[in-house]
């Protein structure tokens, strides 16, 4: 697992489509901007570097994360 700050649109499209999250992929560039603006994004990749999943947090840096 690793923290990431940059997101490839094609990779995000494939990941979200693999779990049928179509609402997020209608505008994949917006999805990538949202991820980049998240408080923290942690990804899991296999040994070949293929993206397996991700988790993100949003925060006000005071009370909510």
C-alpha atoms as a PDB file:
ATOM      1  CA  UNK A   1       0.000   0.000   0.000  1.00  0.00           C
ATOM      2  CA  UNK A   2       1.180   3.481  -0.818  1.00  0.00           C
ATOM      3  CA  UNK A   3       0.016   7.074  -0.738  1.00  0.00           C
ATOM      4  CA  UNK A   4      -0.538   8.567  -4.186  1.00  0.00           C
ATOM      5  CA  UNK A   5      -1.162  12.102  -5.402  1.00  0.00           C
ATOM      6  CA  UNK A   6      -1.386  11.726  -9.191  1.00  0.00           C
ATOM      7  CA  UNK A   7      -3.982   9.616 -10.979  1.00  0.00           C
ATOM      8  CA  UNK A   8      -4.101   8.239 -14.497  1.00  0.00           C
ATOM      9  CA  UNK A   9      -7.575   8.682 -16.033  1.00  0.00           C
ATOM     10  CA  UNK A  10      -7.492   5.359 -17.903  1.00  0.00           C
ATOM     11  CA  UNK A  11      -6.412   3.501 -14.773  1.00  0.00           C
ATOM     12  CA  UNK A  12      -9.132   5.147 -12.682  1.00  0.00           C
ATOM     13  CA  UNK A  13     -11.741   4.458 -15.371  1.00  0.00           C
ATOM     14  CA  UNK A  14     -10.821   0.770 -15.369  1.00  0.00           C
ATOM     15  CA  UNK A  15     -10.811   0.478 -11.571  1.00  0.00           C
ATOM     16  CA  UNK A  16     -14.148   2.202 -11.026  1.00  0.00           C
ATOM     17  CA  UNK A  17     -15.757   0.378 -13.958  1.00  0.00           C
ATOM     18  CA  UNK A  18     -14.616  -2.956 -12.497  1.00  0.00           C
ATOM     19  CA  UNK A  19     -16.972  -2.380  -9.541  1.00  0.00           C
ATOM     20  CA  UNK A  20     -19.744  -0.709 -11.581  1.00  0.00           C
ATOM     21  CA  UNK A  21     -19.280   2.768 -10.065  1.00  0.00           C
ATOM     22  CA  UNK A  22     -20.533   4.477 -13.207  1.00  0.00           C
ATOM     23  CA  UNK A  23     -21.490   7.796 -11.612  1.00  0.00           C
ATOM     24  CA  UNK A  24     -17.859   8.607 -10.933  1.00  0.00           C
ATOM     25  CA  UNK A  25     -16.642   7.695 -14.397  1.00  0.00           C
ATOM     26  CA  UNK A  26     -18.985   9.892 -16.445  1.00  0.00           C
ATOM     27  CA  UNK A  27     -16.307  12.590 -16.130  1.00  0.00           C
ATOM     28  CA  UNK A  28     -13.066  10.763 -15.399  1.00  0.00           C
ATOM     29  CA  UNK A  29     -11.023  13.981 -15.382  1.00  0.00           C
ATOM     30  CA  UNK A  30     -13.273  15.307 -12.624  1.00  0.00           C
ATOM     31  CA  UNK A  31     -12.793  12.019 -10.751  1.00  0.00           C
ATOM     32  CA  UNK A  32      -9.010  12.407 -10.970  1.00  0.00           C
ATOM     33  CA  UNK A  33      -9.196  16.033  -9.769  1.00  0.00           C
ATOM     34  CA  UNK A  34     -11.353  14.909  -6.847  1.00  0.00           C
ATOM     35  CA  UNK A  35      -8.851  12.232  -5.919  1.00  0.00           C
ATOM     36  CA  UNK A  36      -5.950  14.678  -6.215  1.00  0.00           C
ATOM     37  CA  UNK A  37      -7.778  17.120  -3.927  1.00  0.00           C
ATOM     38  CA  UNK A  38      -8.529  14.460  -1.315  1.00  0.00           C
ATOM     39  CA  UNK A  39      -6.913  14.598   2.096  1.00  0.00           C
ATOM     40  CA  UNK A  40      -5.235  11.225   1.570  1.00  0.00           C
ATOM     41  CA  UNK A  41      -5.412   8.508  -1.089  1.00  0.00           C
ATOM     42  CA  UNK A  42      -3.904   5.099  -0.401  1.00  0.00           C
ATOM     43  CA  UNK A  43      -3.629   2.545  -3.184  1.00  0.00           C
ATOM     44  CA  UNK A  44      -2.952  -1.173  -3.388  1.00  0.00           C
ATOM     45  CA  UNK A  45      -1.049  -2.526  -6.381  1.00  0.00           C
ATOM     46  CA  UNK A  46       0.150  -5.985  -7.361  1.00  0.00           C
ATOM     47  CA  UNK A  47       3.813  -6.845  -7.975  1.00  0.00           C
ATOM     48  CA  UNK A  48       3.476  -5.741 -11.604  1.00  0.00           C
ATOM     49  CA  UNK A  49       2.182  -2.327 -10.509  1.00  0.00           C
ATOM     50  CA  UNK A  50      -1.418  -2.855 -11.606  1.00  0.00           C
ATOM     51  CA  UNK A  51      -3.918  -0.955  -9.495  1.00  0.00           C
ATOM     52  CA  UNK A  52      -6.045  -3.266  -7.339  1.00  0.00           C
ATOM     53  CA  UNK A  53      -7.939  -0.730  -5.260  1.00  0.00           C
ATOM     54  CA  UNK A  54      -7.850   2.549  -3.412  1.00  0.00           C
ATOM     55  CA  UNK A  55      -9.193   4.290  -0.347  1.00  0.00           C
ATOM     56  CA  UNK A  56      -9.456   8.022   0.103  1.00  0.00           C
ATOM     57  CA  UNK A  57     -10.226  10.398   2.936  1.00  0.00           C
ATOM     58  CA  UNK A  58     -11.621  13.880   2.935  1.00  0.00           C
ATOM     59  CA  UNK A  59     -11.057  16.151   5.891  1.00  0.00           C
ATOM     60  CA  UNK A  60     -11.533  19.590   7.335  1.00  0.00           C
ATOM     61  CA  UNK A  61      -8.200  19.076   9.182  1.00  0.00           C
ATOM     62  CA  UNK A  62      -9.936  19.767  12.484  1.00  0.00           C
ATOM     63  CA  UNK A  63     -12.810  17.431  13.283  1.00  0.00           C
ATOM     64  CA  UNK A  64     -13.683  15.229  10.347  1.00  0.00           C
ATOM     65  CA  UNK A  65     -11.707  12.789   8.271  1.00  0.00           C
END
